[in-house]
Amino acid sequence: MVKPVKTEGPSIRVLRVGEEVRHALSDVLARGEVHDDVLAQHVISVTEVRMSPDLRHATAFVKPLLGRDEEVVIKALRTNTAFLQKEVARSIKLRFAPKLKFLADESFDEGSH
């Protein structure tokens, strides 16, 4: 008798939706649709989006170009979360619009050590 293989980590669907949210956020930020002076002055990379298993929460890891003014950029993103959530919900067809949370991506810093 063959035992079923247990998979560790997120499902394929969770990963796929996370990638769609990442693309939608990147598009909104690249087009400059957010009317915020701080965000207009910085080029921001959305490096990863991790979705909760129920797809209701999304944690976006972001990094401003050259890592400058990281705290200021994160604060500006958090201030404009409602607008960004609305734009992501408009471009991605899900039953519920995911709640966005922004964190600084530390993986580049850890990789350089």
N, C-alpha and C. Protein backbone atom coordinates (compact mmCIF):
# COMPACT_ATOMS: atom_id res chain seq x y z
N MET A 1 0.84 -1.18 0.00
CA MET A 1 0.00 0.00 0.00
C MET A 1 0.89 1.24 0.00
N VAL A 2 0.57 2.19 -0.85
CA VAL A 2 1.35 3.41 -0.99
C VAL A 2 0.77 4.48 -0.08
N LYS A 3 1.66 5.10 0.70
CA LYS A 3 1.22 6.18 1.59
C LYS A 3 1.13 7.48 0.80
N PRO A 4 0.12 8.30 1.07
CA PRO A 4 0.04 9.59 0.38
C PRO A 4 1.20 10.49 0.81
N VAL A 5 1.70 11.25 -0.14
CA VAL A 5 2.82 12.15 0.12
C VAL A 5 2.28 13.42 0.77
N LYS A 6 2.85 13.75 1.91
CA LYS A 6 2.45 15.00 2.58
C LYS A 6 3.32 16.12 2.05
N THR A 7 2.67 17.18 1.64
CA THR A 7 3.43 18.32 1.13
C THR A 7 3.61 19.34 2.25
N GLU A 8 4.78 19.86 2.31
CA GLU A 8 5.09 20.91 3.29
C GLU A 8 4.98 22.25 2.59
N GLY A 9 4.52 23.25 3.30
CA GLY A 9 4.47 24.59 2.73
C GLY A 9 3.16 24.88 2.04
N PRO A 10 3.11 26.04 1.38
CA PRO A 10 1.86 26.49 0.77
C PRO A 10 1.49 25.68 -0.47
N SER A 11 0.21 25.67 -0.78
CA SER A 11 -0.27 24.94 -1.95
C SER A 11 0.08 25.71 -3.23
N ILE A 12 -0.08 25.05 -4.34
CA ILE A 12 0.19 25.68 -5.64
C ILE A 12 -0.71 26.89 -5.84
N ARG A 13 -1.96 26.76 -5.46
CA ARG A 13 -2.90 27.87 -5.63
C ARG A 13 -2.48 29.09 -4.80
N VAL A 14 -2.07 28.86 -3.56
CA VAL A 14 -1.64 29.96 -2.70
C VAL A 14 -0.42 30.66 -3.31
N LEU A 15 0.51 29.87 -3.83
CA LEU A 15 1.70 30.46 -4.47
C LEU A 15 1.32 31.24 -5.73
N ARG A 16 0.41 30.71 -6.52
CA ARG A 16 0.00 31.36 -7.76
C ARG A 16 -0.71 32.68 -7.46
N VAL A 17 -1.61 32.68 -6.50
CA VAL A 17 -2.32 33.91 -6.14
C VAL A 17 -1.34 34.94 -5.57
N GLY A 18 -0.38 34.50 -4.77
CA GLY A 18 0.64 35.41 -4.25
C GLY A 18 1.43 36.07 -5.36
N GLU A 19 1.74 35.31 -6.40
CA GLU A 19 2.47 35.87 -7.54
C GLU A 19 1.60 36.85 -8.31
N GLU A 20 0.31 36.57 -8.43
CA GLU A 20 -0.60 37.51 -9.10
C GLU A 20 -0.72 38.81 -8.32
N VAL A 21 -0.80 38.72 -7.00
CA VAL A 21 -0.87 39.93 -6.16
C VAL A 21 0.43 40.73 -6.30
N ARG A 22 1.56 40.03 -6.35
CA ARG A 22 2.86 40.71 -6.51
C ARG A 22 2.89 41.48 -7.82
N HIS A 23 2.43 40.86 -8.90
CA HIS A 23 2.41 41.54 -10.19
C HIS A 23 1.47 42.74 -10.17
N ALA A 24 0.31 42.58 -9.56
CA ALA A 24 -0.66 43.69 -9.51
C ALA A 24 -0.10 44.86 -8.71
N LEU A 25 0.53 44.58 -7.56
CA LEU A 25 1.14 45.65 -6.76
C LEU A 25 2.27 46.33 -7.52
N SER A 26 3.10 45.53 -8.17
CA SER A 26 4.22 46.10 -8.94
C SER A 26 3.71 47.01 -10.05
N ASP A 27 2.63 46.60 -10.72
CA ASP A 27 2.07 47.42 -11.79
C ASP A 27 1.56 48.75 -11.26
N VAL A 28 0.84 48.72 -10.15
CA VAL A 28 0.29 49.96 -9.58
C VAL A 28 1.43 50.90 -9.18
N LEU A 29 2.45 50.36 -8.54
CA LEU A 29 3.58 51.20 -8.10
C LEU A 29 4.39 51.70 -9.29
N ALA A 30 4.55 50.87 -10.33
CA ALA A 30 5.34 51.27 -11.49
C ALA A 30 4.64 52.37 -12.29
N ARG A 31 3.32 52.30 -12.36
CA ARG A 31 2.56 53.32 -13.10
C ARG A 31 2.45 54.63 -12.34
N GLY A 32 2.79 54.63 -11.06
CA GLY A 32 2.71 55.86 -10.28
C GLY A 32 1.29 56.29 -9.98
N GLU A 33 0.38 55.33 -9.83
CA GLU A 33 -1.02 55.66 -9.58
C GLU A 33 -1.28 56.11 -8.15
N VAL A 34 -0.35 55.85 -7.25
CA VAL A 34 -0.52 56.26 -5.85
C VAL A 34 -0.07 57.70 -5.75
N HIS A 35 -0.97 58.55 -5.30
CA HIS A 35 -0.65 59.98 -5.19
C HIS A 35 0.00 60.25 -3.84
N ASP A 36 1.28 59.91 -3.77
CA ASP A 36 2.05 60.10 -2.54
C ASP A 36 3.44 60.58 -2.96
N ASP A 37 3.90 61.66 -2.35
CA ASP A 37 5.20 62.23 -2.72
C ASP A 37 6.34 61.27 -2.47
N VAL A 38 6.30 60.55 -1.35
CA VAL A 38 7.38 59.62 -1.01
C VAL A 38 7.45 58.49 -2.03
N LEU A 39 6.30 57.93 -2.37
CA LEU A 39 6.28 56.81 -3.31
C LEU A 39 6.63 57.26 -4.72
N ALA A 40 6.33 58.52 -5.05
CA ALA A 40 6.67 59.04 -6.37
C ALA A 40 8.17 59.24 -6.52
N GLN A 41 8.87 59.46 -5.42
CA GLN A 41 10.30 59.72 -5.48
C GLN A 41 11.15 58.45 -5.45
N HIS A 42 10.56 57.30 -5.19
CA HIS A 42 11.32 56.06 -5.05
C HIS A 42 10.86 55.00 -6.05
N VAL A 43 11.81 54.21 -6.49
CA VAL A 43 11.51 53.02 -7.28
C VAL A 43 11.44 51.88 -6.28
N ILE A 44 10.30 51.18 -6.24
CA ILE A 44 10.06 50.16 -5.22
C ILE A 44 9.90 48.81 -5.89
N SER A 45 10.64 47.82 -5.40
CA SER A 45 10.51 46.45 -5.88
C SER A 45 9.66 45.66 -4.91
N VAL A 46 8.66 44.97 -5.42
CA VAL A 46 7.88 44.03 -4.61
C VAL A 46 8.53 42.68 -4.86
N THR A 47 9.32 42.21 -3.90
CA THR A 47 10.13 41.01 -4.12
C THR A 47 9.34 39.73 -3.92
N GLU A 48 8.37 39.74 -3.01
CA GLU A 48 7.61 38.52 -2.74
C GLU A 48 6.30 38.91 -2.06
N VAL A 49 5.27 38.10 -2.30
CA VAL A 49 4.01 38.24 -1.59
C VAL A 49 3.64 36.86 -1.07
N ARG A 50 3.47 36.77 0.24
CA ARG A 50 3.06 35.51 0.87
C ARG A 50 1.60 35.62 1.27
N MET A 51 0.82 34.67 0.79
CA MET A 51 -0.61 34.65 1.07
C MET A 51 -0.90 33.72 2.23
N SER A 52 -1.94 34.03 3.00
CA SER A 52 -2.41 33.12 4.03
C SER A 52 -3.13 31.97 3.32
N PRO A 53 -3.27 30.81 3.97
CA PRO A 53 -3.93 29.67 3.31
C PRO A 53 -5.36 29.96 2.86
N ASP A 54 -6.07 30.86 3.55
CA ASP A 54 -7.43 31.19 3.14
C ASP A 54 -7.49 32.34 2.12
N LEU A 55 -6.34 32.84 1.69
CA LEU A 55 -6.20 33.90 0.68
C LEU A 55 -6.80 35.23 1.10
N ARG A 56 -6.99 35.44 2.39
CA ARG A 56 -7.57 36.71 2.87
C ARG A 56 -6.52 37.72 3.30
N HIS A 57 -5.30 37.26 3.53
CA HIS A 57 -4.22 38.14 3.99
C HIS A 57 -3.00 37.95 3.09
N ALA A 58 -2.38 39.08 2.74
CA ALA A 58 -1.19 39.05 1.90
C ALA A 58 -0.10 39.88 2.57
N THR A 59 1.07 39.29 2.73
CA THR A 59 2.21 40.02 3.26
C THR A 59 3.15 40.30 2.10
N ALA A 60 3.33 41.57 1.78
CA ALA A 60 4.18 41.99 0.67
C ALA A 60 5.54 42.42 1.20
N PHE A 61 6.58 41.82 0.67
CA PHE A 61 7.95 42.19 1.02
C PHE A 61 8.46 43.14 -0.04
N VAL A 62 8.85 44.33 0.38
CA VAL A 62 9.25 45.38 -0.57
C VAL A 62 10.65 45.88 -0.25
N LYS A 63 11.29 46.41 -1.30
CA LYS A 63 12.62 46.97 -1.14
C LYS A 63 12.73 48.18 -2.06
N PRO A 64 13.00 49.37 -1.50
CA PRO A 64 13.25 50.52 -2.37
C PRO A 64 14.60 50.36 -3.06
N LEU A 65 14.73 50.97 -4.22
CA LEU A 65 15.97 50.90 -4.98
C LEU A 65 17.15 51.37 -4.13
N LEU A 66 18.19 50.58 -4.10
CA LEU A 66 19.41 50.83 -3.32
C LEU A 66 19.16 50.80 -1.81
N GLY A 67 17.98 50.42 -1.38
CA GLY A 67 17.68 50.31 0.05
C GLY A 67 17.59 51.63 0.78
N ARG A 68 17.48 52.74 0.03
CA ARG A 68 17.43 54.06 0.68
C ARG A 68 16.06 54.35 1.24
N ASP A 69 16.01 55.01 2.37
CA ASP A 69 14.77 55.47 3.00
C ASP A 69 13.74 54.35 3.17
N GLU A 70 14.21 53.19 3.58
CA GLU A 70 13.34 52.02 3.67
C GLU A 70 12.17 52.24 4.63
N GLU A 71 12.46 52.81 5.81
CA GLU A 71 11.40 53.02 6.80
C GLU A 71 10.36 54.01 6.30
N VAL A 72 10.81 55.06 5.62
CA VAL A 72 9.91 56.08 5.11
C VAL A 72 9.00 55.49 4.02
N VAL A 73 9.58 54.65 3.16
CA VAL A 73 8.80 54.03 2.08
C VAL A 73 7.76 53.06 2.66
N ILE A 74 8.16 52.26 3.64
CA ILE A 74 7.23 51.32 4.27
C ILE A 74 6.08 52.09 4.92
N LYS A 75 6.40 53.19 5.59
CA LYS A 75 5.35 53.99 6.23
C LYS A 75 4.39 54.57 5.18
N ALA A 76 4.91 55.02 4.05
CA ALA A 76 4.06 55.56 2.98
C ALA A 76 3.18 54.47 2.39
N LEU A 77 3.72 53.27 2.22
CA LEU A 77 2.91 52.16 1.71
C LEU A 77 1.79 51.81 2.69
N ARG A 78 2.12 51.80 3.97
CA ARG A 78 1.09 51.49 4.98
C ARG A 78 0.02 52.56 5.02
N THR A 79 0.40 53.81 4.79
CA THR A 79 -0.57 54.90 4.76
C THR A 79 -1.54 54.73 3.59
N ASN A 80 -1.04 54.22 2.46
CA ASN A 80 -1.85 54.07 1.25
C ASN A 80 -2.37 52.64 1.05
N THR A 81 -2.43 51.86 2.11
CA THR A 81 -2.85 50.46 2.01
C THR A 81 -4.25 50.32 1.44
N ALA A 82 -5.18 51.14 1.85
CA ALA A 82 -6.56 51.02 1.37
C ALA A 82 -6.65 51.19 -0.14
N PHE A 83 -5.96 52.18 -0.66
CA PHE A 83 -5.96 52.40 -2.11
C PHE A 83 -5.32 51.21 -2.83
N LEU A 84 -4.19 50.73 -2.32
CA LEU A 84 -3.51 49.61 -2.95
C LEU A 84 -4.35 48.34 -2.91
N GLN A 85 -5.05 48.10 -1.80
CA GLN A 85 -5.93 46.94 -1.70
C GLN A 85 -7.04 47.02 -2.75
N LYS A 86 -7.60 48.21 -2.94
CA LYS A 86 -8.67 48.40 -3.92
C LYS A 86 -8.15 48.12 -5.33
N GLU A 87 -6.96 48.60 -5.65
CA GLU A 87 -6.40 48.39 -6.98
C GLU A 87 -6.07 46.91 -7.22
N VAL A 88 -5.55 46.24 -6.21
CA VAL A 88 -5.25 44.81 -6.35
C VAL A 88 -6.54 44.03 -6.53
N ALA A 89 -7.57 44.36 -5.75
CA ALA A 89 -8.86 43.67 -5.85
C ALA A 89 -9.48 43.86 -7.23
N ARG A 90 -9.27 45.03 -7.82
CA ARG A 90 -9.83 45.30 -9.14
C ARG A 90 -9.15 44.45 -10.22
N SER A 91 -7.85 44.21 -10.08
CA SER A 91 -7.13 43.49 -11.12
C SER A 91 -7.12 41.97 -10.92
N ILE A 92 -7.39 41.51 -9.72
CA ILE A 92 -7.39 40.07 -9.44
C ILE A 92 -8.79 39.65 -9.04
N LYS A 93 -9.27 38.62 -9.68
CA LYS A 93 -10.62 38.16 -9.41
C LYS A 93 -10.61 37.09 -8.32
N LEU A 94 -10.86 37.50 -7.11
CA LEU A 94 -10.98 36.60 -5.97
C LEU A 94 -12.30 36.87 -5.27
N ARG A 95 -12.73 35.91 -4.48
CA ARG A 95 -13.98 36.11 -3.74
C ARG A 95 -13.83 37.25 -2.73
N PHE A 96 -12.67 37.31 -2.06
CA PHE A 96 -12.40 38.36 -1.08
C PHE A 96 -11.13 39.09 -1.49
N ALA A 97 -11.12 40.39 -1.30
CA ALA A 97 -9.91 41.17 -1.55
C ALA A 97 -8.95 40.92 -0.38
N PRO A 98 -7.71 40.54 -0.67
CA PRO A 98 -6.79 40.27 0.43
C PRO A 98 -6.38 41.55 1.16
N LYS A 99 -6.27 41.44 2.48
CA LYS A 99 -5.76 42.54 3.30
C LYS A 99 -4.25 42.57 3.13
N LEU A 100 -3.71 43.73 2.80
CA LEU A 100 -2.28 43.86 2.54
C LEU A 100 -1.52 44.30 3.78
N LYS A 101 -0.35 43.73 3.92
CA LYS A 101 0.58 44.11 4.99
C LYS A 101 1.94 44.27 4.34
N PHE A 102 2.65 45.34 4.66
CA PHE A 102 3.93 45.61 4.02
C PHE A 102 5.07 45.45 5.02
N LEU A 103 6.09 44.71 4.60
CA LEU A 103 7.30 44.52 5.40
C LEU A 103 8.52 44.76 4.52
N ALA A 104 9.60 45.21 5.14
CA ALA A 104 10.85 45.38 4.40
C ALA A 104 11.45 44.01 4.13
N ASP A 105 11.98 43.84 2.93
CA ASP A 105 12.59 42.57 2.55
C ASP A 105 14.03 42.57 3.04
N GLU A 106 14.33 41.69 3.97
CA GLU A 106 15.67 41.59 4.55
C GLU A 106 16.50 40.51 3.90
N SER A 107 15.96 39.79 2.93
CA SER A 107 16.67 38.65 2.35
C SER A 107 17.94 39.10 1.61
N PHE A 108 17.94 40.27 1.00
CA PHE A 108 19.15 40.75 0.32
C PHE A 108 20.26 41.04 1.32
N ASP A 109 19.89 41.62 2.46
CA ASP A 109 20.88 41.92 3.49
C ASP A 109 21.47 40.64 4.07
N GLU A 110 20.61 39.64 4.31
CA GLU A 110 21.10 38.37 4.87
C GLU A 110 21.94 37.62 3.85
N GLY A 111 21.59 37.72 2.58
CA GLY A 111 22.35 37.03 1.54
C GLY A 111 23.74 37.60 1.36
N SER A 112 23.92 38.88 1.63
CA SER A 112 25.24 39.49 1.46
C SER A 112 26.19 39.16 2.61
N HIS A 113 25.65 38.67 3.73
CA HIS A 113 26.53 38.34 4.87
C HIS A 113 27.09 37.00 4.70
